[in-house]
């Protein structure tokens, strides 16, 4: 269902109750007829993007998330014994 929105003096629009509140960034595509398409976007660093382009690493992460017992224990997470 279409919603009427109005631009303010700075040509900004408040989406208020429109869309998913979790979506805070959008790519905007302007069509020849003047319509605007807002597509939810996620921003990541170039380092994160490079890691996600490694299919072996992605597969390993997915396997570890599916079965956390496979993950190697971290010394940072080990509890130190309490001395009485």
PDB file of N, CA and C in Angstrom:
ATOM      1  N   UNK A   1       0.840  -1.172   0.000  1.00  0.00           N
ATOM      2  CA  UNK A   1       0.000   0.000   0.000  1.00  0.00           C
ATOM      3  C   UNK A   1       0.890   1.241   0.000  1.00  0.00           C
ATOM      4  N   UNK A   2       0.684   2.143  -0.924  1.00  0.00           N
ATOM      5  CA  UNK A   2       1.513   3.355  -0.977  1.00  0.00           C
ATOM      6  C   UNK A   2       1.282   4.267   0.218  1.00  0.00           C
ATOM      7  N   UNK A   3       2.350   4.981   0.596  1.00  0.00           N
ATOM      8  CA  UNK A   3       2.287   5.974   1.668  1.00  0.00           C
ATOM      9  C   UNK A   3       2.758   7.304   1.095  1.00  0.00           C
ATOM     10  N   UNK A   4       2.082   8.360   1.444  1.00  0.00           N
ATOM     11  CA  UNK A   4       2.500   9.693   1.022  1.00  0.00           C
ATOM     12  C   UNK A   4       3.486  10.232   2.048  1.00  0.00           C
ATOM     13  N   UNK A   5       4.662  10.644   1.584  1.00  0.00           N
ATOM     14  CA  UNK A   5       5.656  11.289   2.449  1.00  0.00           C
ATOM     15  C   UNK A   5       5.986  12.633   1.815  1.00  0.00           C
ATOM     16  N   UNK A   6       6.387  13.569   2.648  1.00  0.00           N
ATOM     17  CA  UNK A   6       6.673  14.914   2.159  1.00  0.00           C
ATOM     18  C   UNK A   6       8.099  15.294   2.535  1.00  0.00           C
ATOM     19  N   UNK A   7       8.808  15.899   1.596  1.00  0.00           N
ATOM     20  CA  UNK A   7      10.171  16.350   1.848  1.00  0.00           C
ATOM     21  C   UNK A   7      10.139  17.636   2.664  1.00  0.00           C
ATOM     22  N   UNK A   8      11.111  17.767   3.585  1.00  0.00           N
ATOM     23  CA  UNK A   8      11.211  19.018   4.333  1.00  0.00           C
ATOM     24  C   UNK A   8      12.067  20.002   3.538  1.00  0.00           C
ATOM     25  N   UNK A   9      12.403  21.141   4.139  1.00  0.00           N
ATOM     26  CA  UNK A   9      13.161  22.191   3.439  1.00  0.00           C
ATOM     27  C   UNK A   9      14.542  21.709   2.989  1.00  0.00           C
ATOM     28  N   UNK A  10      15.088  20.717   3.678  1.00  0.00           N
ATOM     29  CA  UNK A  10      16.403  20.169   3.316  1.00  0.00           C
ATOM     30  C   UNK A  10      16.288  18.982   2.364  1.00  0.00           C
ATOM     31  N   UNK A  11      15.075  18.750   1.834  1.00  0.00           N
ATOM     32  CA  UNK A  11      14.775  17.639   0.938  1.00  0.00           C
ATOM     33  C   UNK A  11      14.951  16.297   1.639  1.00  0.00           C
ATOM     34  N   UNK A  12      14.690  16.253   2.932  1.00  0.00           N
ATOM     35  CA  UNK A  12      14.772  15.022   3.710  1.00  0.00           C
ATOM     36  C   UNK A  12      13.366  14.514   3.982  1.00  0.00           C
ATOM     37  N   UNK A  13      13.271  13.205   4.194  1.00  0.00           N
ATOM     38  CA  UNK A  13      11.980  12.593   4.487  1.00  0.00           C
ATOM     39  C   UNK A  13      12.144  11.707   5.718  1.00  0.00           C
ATOM     40  N   UNK A  14      11.156  11.707   6.593  1.00  0.00           N
ATOM     41  CA  UNK A  14      11.150  10.823   7.761  1.00  0.00           C
ATOM     42  C   UNK A  14      10.351   9.578   7.405  1.00  0.00           C
ATOM     43  N   UNK A  15      10.960   8.421   7.539  1.00  0.00           N
ATOM     44  CA  UNK A  15      10.268   7.175   7.206  1.00  0.00           C
ATOM     45  C   UNK A  15       9.419   6.663   8.364  1.00  0.00           C
ATOM     46  N   UNK A  16       9.687   7.146   9.544  1.00  0.00           N
ATOM     47  CA  UNK A  16       8.918   6.844  10.750  1.00  0.00           C
ATOM     48  C   UNK A  16       8.501   5.382  10.829  1.00  0.00           C
ATOM     49  N   UNK A  17       7.253   5.086  10.552  1.00  0.00           N
ATOM     50  CA  UNK A  17       6.737   3.722  10.735  1.00  0.00           C
ATOM     51  C   UNK A  17       6.918   2.849   9.506  1.00  0.00           C
ATOM     52  N   UNK A  18       7.564   3.343   8.487  1.00  0.00           N
ATOM     53  CA  UNK A  18       7.742   2.568   7.257  1.00  0.00           C
ATOM     54  C   UNK A  18       8.985   1.695   7.342  1.00  0.00           C
ATOM     55  N   UNK A  19       8.920   0.531   6.753  1.00  0.00           N
ATOM     56  CA  UNK A  19      10.083  -0.344   6.677  1.00  0.00           C
ATOM     57  C   UNK A  19      10.385  -1.048   7.985  1.00  0.00           C
ATOM     58  N   UNK A  20      11.426  -1.839   7.943  1.00  0.00           N
ATOM     59  CA  UNK A  20      11.894  -2.604   9.098  1.00  0.00           C
ATOM     60  C   UNK A  20      12.776  -1.703   9.960  1.00  0.00           C
ATOM     61  N   UNK A  21      12.474  -1.559  11.256  1.00  0.00           N
ATOM     62  CA  UNK A  21      13.275  -0.670  12.101  1.00  0.00           C
ATOM     63  C   UNK A  21      14.747  -1.098  12.218  1.00  0.00           C
ATOM     64  N   UNK A  22      15.052  -2.367  11.907  1.00  0.00           N
ATOM     65  CA  UNK A  22      16.444  -2.835  11.964  1.00  0.00           C
ATOM     66  C   UNK A  22      17.259  -2.327  10.776  1.00  0.00           C
ATOM     67  N   UNK A  23      16.590  -1.929   9.710  1.00  0.00           N
ATOM     68  CA  UNK A  23      17.296  -1.421   8.536  1.00  0.00           C
ATOM     69  C   UNK A  23      17.566   0.064   8.736  1.00  0.00           C
ATOM     70  N   UNK A  24      18.841   0.401   8.852  1.00  0.00           N
ATOM     71  CA  UNK A  24      19.219   1.791   9.094  1.00  0.00           C
ATOM     72  C   UNK A  24      20.049   2.385   7.960  1.00  0.00           C
ATOM     73  N   UNK A  25      20.456   1.539   6.999  1.00  0.00           N
ATOM     74  CA  UNK A  25      21.214   2.017   5.844  1.00  0.00           C
ATOM     75  C   UNK A  25      20.573   1.442   4.580  1.00  0.00           C
ATOM     76  N   UNK A  26      20.543   2.255   3.547  1.00  0.00           N
ATOM     77  CA  UNK A  26      19.923   1.841   2.294  1.00  0.00           C
ATOM     78  C   UNK A  26      20.765   2.283   1.109  1.00  0.00           C
ATOM     79  N   UNK A  27      20.732   1.494   0.052  1.00  0.00           N
ATOM     80  CA  UNK A  27      21.211   1.926  -1.250  1.00  0.00           C
ATOM     81  C   UNK A  27      19.996   2.497  -1.965  1.00  0.00           C
ATOM     82  N   UNK A  28      20.162   3.623  -2.633  1.00  0.00           N
ATOM     83  CA  UNK A  28      19.037   4.258  -3.328  1.00  0.00           C
ATOM     84  C   UNK A  28      19.293   4.211  -4.824  1.00  0.00           C
ATOM     85  N   UNK A  29      18.309   3.691  -5.554  1.00  0.00           N
ATOM     86  CA  UNK A  29      18.361   3.659  -7.011  1.00  0.00           C
ATOM     87  C   UNK A  29      17.265   4.572  -7.534  1.00  0.00           C
ATOM     88  N   UNK A  30      17.648   5.511  -8.390  1.00  0.00           N
ATOM     89  CA  UNK A  30      16.661   6.406  -8.999  1.00  0.00           C
ATOM     90  C   UNK A  30      16.341   5.887 -10.393  1.00  0.00           C
ATOM     91  N   UNK A  31      15.075   5.641 -10.647  1.00  0.00           N
ATOM     92  CA  UNK A  31      14.612   5.151 -11.942  1.00  0.00           C
ATOM     93  C   UNK A  31      14.300   6.331 -12.863  1.00  0.00           C
ATOM     94  N   UNK A  32      14.285   6.099 -14.188  1.00  0.00           N
ATOM     95  CA  UNK A  32      14.027   7.181 -15.144  1.00  0.00           C
ATOM     96  C   UNK A  32      12.720   7.932 -14.887  1.00  0.00           C
ATOM     97  N   UNK A  33      11.720   7.249 -14.306  1.00  0.00           N
ATOM     98  CA  UNK A  33      10.439   7.926 -14.044  1.00  0.00           C
ATOM     99  C   UNK A  33      10.472   8.762 -12.769  1.00  0.00           C
ATOM    100  N   UNK A  34      11.640   8.802 -12.087  1.00  0.00           N
ATOM    101  CA  UNK A  34      11.774   9.594 -10.869  1.00  0.00           C
ATOM    102  C   UNK A  34      11.514   8.811  -9.598  1.00  0.00           C
ATOM    103  N   UNK A  35      11.032   7.566  -9.719  1.00  0.00           N
ATOM    104  CA  UNK A  35      10.798   6.769  -8.511  1.00  0.00           C
ATOM    105  C   UNK A  35      12.132   6.366  -7.894  1.00  0.00           C
ATOM    106  N   UNK A  36      12.131   6.235  -6.585  1.00  0.00           N
ATOM    107  CA  UNK A  36      13.331   5.858  -5.835  1.00  0.00           C
ATOM    108  C   UNK A  36      13.115   4.492  -5.218  1.00  0.00           C
ATOM    109  N   UNK A  37      14.089   3.618  -5.380  1.00  0.00           N
ATOM    110  CA  UNK A  37      14.039   2.292  -4.778  1.00  0.00           C
ATOM    111  C   UNK A  37      15.057   2.255  -3.648  1.00  0.00           C
ATOM    112  N   UNK A  38      14.590   2.009  -2.416  1.00  0.00           N
ATOM    113  CA  UNK A  38      15.472   1.893  -1.250  1.00  0.00           C
ATOM    114  C   UNK A  38      15.710   0.408  -0.979  1.00  0.00           C
ATOM    115  N   UNK A  39      16.965  -0.011  -1.015  1.00  0.00           N
ATOM    116  CA  UNK A  39      17.331  -1.399  -0.762  1.00  0.00           C
ATOM    117  C   UNK A  39      18.170  -1.447   0.515  1.00  0.00           C
ATOM    118  N   UNK A  40      17.736  -2.216   1.528  1.00  0.00           N
ATOM    119  CA  UNK A  40      18.525  -2.289   2.764  1.00  0.00           C
ATOM    120  C   UNK A  40      19.971  -2.707   2.459  1.00  0.00           C
ATOM    121  N   UNK A  41      20.909  -2.087   3.155  1.00  0.00           N
ATOM    122  CA  UNK A  41      22.331  -2.345   2.916  1.00  0.00           C
ATOM    123  C   UNK A  41      23.041  -2.620   4.232  1.00  0.00           C
ATOM    124  N   UNK A  42      24.126  -3.369   4.130  1.00  0.00           N
ATOM    125  CA  UNK A  42      24.999  -3.637   5.262  1.00  0.00           C
ATOM    126  C   UNK A  42      26.379  -3.128   4.882  1.00  0.00           C
ATOM    127  N   UNK A  43      27.002  -2.399   5.771  1.00  0.00           N
ATOM    128  CA  UNK A  43      28.335  -1.860   5.516  1.00  0.00           C
ATOM    129  C   UNK A  43      29.347  -2.703   6.275  1.00  0.00           C
ATOM    130  N   UNK A  44      30.434  -3.056   5.576  1.00  0.00           N
ATOM    131  CA  UNK A  44      31.506  -3.810   6.227  1.00  0.00           C
ATOM    132  C   UNK A  44      32.846  -3.278   5.743  1.00  0.00           C
ATOM    133  N   UNK A  45      33.878  -3.609   6.477  1.00  0.00           N
ATOM    134  CA  UNK A  45      35.210  -3.168   6.096  1.00  0.00           C
ATOM    135  C   UNK A  45      35.711  -3.992   4.908  1.00  0.00           C
ATOM    136  N   UNK A  46      36.726  -3.489   4.220  1.00  0.00           N
ATOM    137  CA  UNK A  46      37.314  -4.245   3.116  1.00  0.00           C
ATOM    138  C   UNK A  46      37.935  -5.541   3.622  1.00  0.00           C
ATOM    139  N   UNK A  47      38.424  -5.517   4.860  1.00  0.00           N
ATOM    140  CA  UNK A  47      39.005  -6.724   5.461  1.00  0.00           C
ATOM    141  C   UNK A  47      37.912  -7.791   5.649  1.00  0.00           C
ATOM    142  N   UNK A  48      36.752  -7.394   6.182  1.00  0.00           N
ATOM    143  CA  UNK A  48      35.646  -8.339   6.347  1.00  0.00           C
ATOM    144  C   UNK A  48      35.202  -8.895   5.001  1.00  0.00           C
ATOM    145  N   UNK A  49      35.114  -8.043   3.993  1.00  0.00           N
ATOM    146  CA  UNK A  49      34.693  -8.488   2.661  1.00  0.00           C
ATOM    147  C   UNK A  49      35.693  -9.492   2.090  1.00  0.00           C
ATOM    148  N   UNK A  50      36.985  -9.247   2.298  1.00  0.00           N
ATOM    149  CA  UNK A  50      38.010 -10.173   1.803  1.00  0.00           C
ATOM    150  C   UNK A  50      37.891 -11.531   2.492  1.00  0.00           C
ATOM    151  N   UNK A  51      37.641 -11.529   3.797  1.00  0.00           N
ATOM    152  CA  UNK A  51      37.481 -12.792   4.514  1.00  0.00           C
ATOM    153  C   UNK A  51      36.265 -13.560   4.006  1.00  0.00           C
ATOM    154  N   UNK A  52      35.186 -12.866   3.715  1.00  0.00           N
ATOM    155  CA  UNK A  52      33.969 -13.527   3.239  1.00  0.00           C
ATOM    156  C   UNK A  52      34.109 -14.050   1.815  1.00  0.00           C
ATOM    157  N   UNK A  53      35.102 -13.573   1.068  1.00  0.00           N
ATOM    158  CA  UNK A  53      35.344 -14.081  -0.285  1.00  0.00           C
ATOM    159  C   UNK A  53      36.154 -15.371  -0.256  1.00  0.00           C
ATOM    160  N   UNK A  54      36.589 -15.816   0.921  1.00  0.00           N
ATOM    161  CA  UNK A  54      37.363 -17.055   1.061  1.00  0.00           C
ATOM    162  C   UNK A  54      36.384 -18.190   1.369  1.00  0.00           C
ATOM    163  N   UNK A  55      35.996 -19.007   0.362  1.00  0.00           N
ATOM    164  CA  UNK A  55      34.969 -20.023   0.584  1.00  0.00           C
ATOM    165  C   UNK A  55      35.352 -21.072   1.636  1.00  0.00           C
ATOM    166  N   UNK A  56      36.640 -21.412   1.722  1.00  0.00           N
ATOM    167  CA  UNK A  56      37.057 -22.396   2.725  1.00  0.00           C
ATOM    168  C   UNK A  56      36.872 -21.844   4.134  1.00  0.00           C
ATOM    169  N   UNK A  57      37.207 -20.578   4.330  1.00  0.00           N
ATOM    170  CA  UNK A  57      37.053 -19.954   5.638  1.00  0.00           C
ATOM    171  C   UNK A  57      35.582 -19.847   6.009  1.00  0.00           C
ATOM    172  N   UNK A  58      34.749 -19.437   5.067  1.00  0.00           N
ATOM    173  CA  UNK A  58      33.310 -19.326   5.320  1.00  0.00           C
ATOM    174  C   UNK A  58      32.734 -20.686   5.690  1.00  0.00           C
ATOM    175  N   UNK A  59      33.130 -21.738   4.963  1.00  0.00           N
ATOM    176  CA  UNK A  59      32.648 -23.090   5.266  1.00  0.00           C
ATOM    177  C   UNK A  59      33.068 -23.509   6.666  1.00  0.00           C
ATOM    178  N   UNK A  60      34.309 -23.217   7.048  1.00  0.00           N
ATOM    179  CA  UNK A  60      34.806 -23.581   8.382  1.00  0.00           C
ATOM    180  C   UNK A  60      34.030 -22.845   9.470  1.00  0.00           C
ATOM    181  N   UNK A  61      33.776 -21.559   9.259  1.00  0.00           N
ATOM    182  CA  UNK A  61      33.018 -20.775  10.240  1.00  0.00           C
ATOM    183  C   UNK A  61      31.613 -21.332  10.381  1.00  0.00           C
ATOM    184  N   UNK A  62      30.967 -21.656   9.254  1.00  0.00           N
ATOM    185  CA  UNK A  62      29.614 -22.220   9.303  1.00  0.00           C
ATOM    186  C   UNK A  62      29.596 -23.553  10.033  1.00  0.00           C
ATOM    187  N   UNK A  63      30.604 -24.405   9.810  1.00  0.00           N
ATOM    188  CA  UNK A  63      30.692 -25.690  10.514  1.00  0.00           C
ATOM    189  C   UNK A  63      30.882 -25.480  12.010  1.00  0.00           C
ATOM    190  N   UNK A  64      31.745 -24.550  12.371  1.00  0.00           N
ATOM    191  CA  UNK A  64      31.992 -24.287  13.792  1.00  0.00           C
ATOM    192  C   UNK A  64      30.754 -23.710  14.475  1.00  0.00           C
ATOM    193  N   UNK A  65      30.023 -22.855  13.767  1.00  0.00           N
ATOM    194  CA  UNK A  65      28.797 -22.303  14.349  1.00  0.00           C
ATOM    195  C   UNK A  65      27.732 -23.379  14.513  1.00  0.00           C
ATOM    196  N   UNK A  66      27.678 -24.326  13.579  1.00  0.00           N
ATOM    197  CA  UNK A  66      26.698 -25.410  13.656  1.00  0.00           C
ATOM    198  C   UNK A  66      27.032 -26.384  14.782  1.00  0.00           C
ATOM    199  N   UNK A  67      28.321 -26.542  15.084  1.00  0.00           N
ATOM    200  CA  UNK A  67      28.746 -27.472  16.129  1.00  0.00           C
ATOM    201  C   UNK A  67      29.861 -26.822  16.950  1.00  0.00           C
ATOM    202  N   UNK A  68      29.501 -26.003  17.958  1.00  0.00           N
ATOM    203  CA  UNK A  68      30.515 -25.270  18.732  1.00  0.00           C
ATOM    204  C   UNK A  68      31.540 -26.166  19.425  1.00  0.00           C
ATOM    205  N   UNK A  69      31.228 -27.443  19.632  1.00  0.00           N
ATOM    206  CA  UNK A  69      32.192 -28.331  20.299  1.00  0.00           C
ATOM    207  C   UNK A  69      33.429 -28.539  19.428  1.00  0.00           C
ATOM    208  N   UNK A  70      33.342 -28.246  18.128  1.00  0.00           N
ATOM    209  CA  UNK A  70      34.486 -28.386  17.219  1.00  0.00           C
ATOM    210  C   UNK A  70      35.504 -27.264  17.384  1.00  0.00           C
ATOM    211  N   UNK A  71      35.080 -26.172  17.949  1.00  0.00           N
ATOM    212  CA  UNK A  71      35.960 -25.006  18.052  1.00  0.00           C
ATOM    213  C   UNK A  71      37.097 -25.284  19.026  1.00  0.00           C
ATOM    214  N   UNK A  72      38.265 -24.768  18.703  1.00  0.00           N
ATOM    215  CA  UNK A  72      39.419 -24.926  19.589  1.00  0.00           C
ATOM    216  C   UNK A  72      39.229 -24.047  20.814  1.00  0.00           C
ATOM    217  N   UNK A  73      39.551 -24.575  22.000  1.00  0.00           N
ATOM    218  CA  UNK A  73      39.395 -23.750  23.203  1.00  0.00           C
ATOM    219  C   UNK A  73      40.384 -22.580  23.183  1.00  0.00           C
ATOM    220  N   UNK A  74      39.942 -21.467  23.680  1.00  0.00           N
ATOM    221  CA  UNK A  74      40.775 -20.278  23.734  1.00  0.00           C
ATOM    222  C   UNK A  74      41.300 -20.106  25.152  1.00  0.00           C
ATOM    223  N   UNK A  75      42.582 -19.833  25.269  1.00  0.00           N
ATOM    224  CA  UNK A  75      43.151 -19.624  26.603  1.00  0.00           C
ATOM    225  C   UNK A  75      42.557 -18.381  27.249  1.00  0.00           C
ATOM    226  N   UNK A  76      42.105 -17.441  26.449  1.00  0.00           N
ATOM    227  CA  UNK A  76      41.495 -16.222  26.992  1.00  0.00           C
ATOM    228  C   UNK A  76      40.152 -16.524  27.640  1.00  0.00           C
ATOM    229  N   UNK A  77      39.495 -17.613  27.204  1.00  0.00           N
ATOM    230  CA  UNK A  77      38.184 -17.941  27.751  1.00  0.00           C
ATOM    231  C   UNK A  77      38.255 -18.910  28.929  1.00  0.00           C
ATOM    232  N   UNK A  78      39.400 -19.493  29.153  1.00  0.00           N
ATOM    233  CA  UNK A  78      39.523 -20.461  30.254  1.00  0.00           C
ATOM    234  C   UNK A  78      39.443 -19.736  31.584  1.00  0.00           C
ATOM    235  N   UNK A  79      38.660 -20.299  32.467  1.00  0.00           N
ATOM    236  CA  UNK A  79      38.562 -19.727  33.811  1.00  0.00           C
ATOM    237  C   UNK A  79      39.783 -20.122  34.612  1.00  0.00           C
ATOM    238  N   UNK A  80      40.317 -19.188  35.311  1.00  0.00           N
ATOM    239  CA  UNK A  80      41.464 -19.474  36.173  1.00  0.00           C
ATOM    240  C   UNK A  80      40.939 -19.979  37.515  1.00  0.00           C
ATOM    241  N   UNK A  81      41.608 -20.970  38.125  1.00  0.00           N
ATOM    242  CA  UNK A  81      41.147 -21.489  39.413  1.00  0.00           C
ATOM    243  C   UNK A  81      41.176 -20.399  40.485  1.00  0.00           C
ATOM    244  N   UNK A  82      40.180 -20.419  41.325  1.00  0.00           N
ATOM    245  CA  UNK A  82      40.096 -19.470  42.427  1.00  0.00           C
ATOM    246  C   UNK A  82      40.949 -20.003  43.560  1.00  0.00           C
ATOM    247  N   UNK A  83      41.854 -19.170  44.064  1.00  0.00           N
ATOM    248  CA  UNK A  83      42.714 -19.594  45.178  1.00  0.00           C
ATOM    249  C   UNK A  83      42.073 -19.157  46.482  1.00  0.00           C
ATOM    250  N   UNK A  84      41.956 -20.096  47.386  1.00  0.00           N
ATOM    251  CA  UNK A  84      41.340 -19.807  48.679  1.00  0.00           C
ATOM    252  C   UNK A  84      42.333 -19.300  49.676  1.00  0.00           C
TER     253      UNK A  84
END
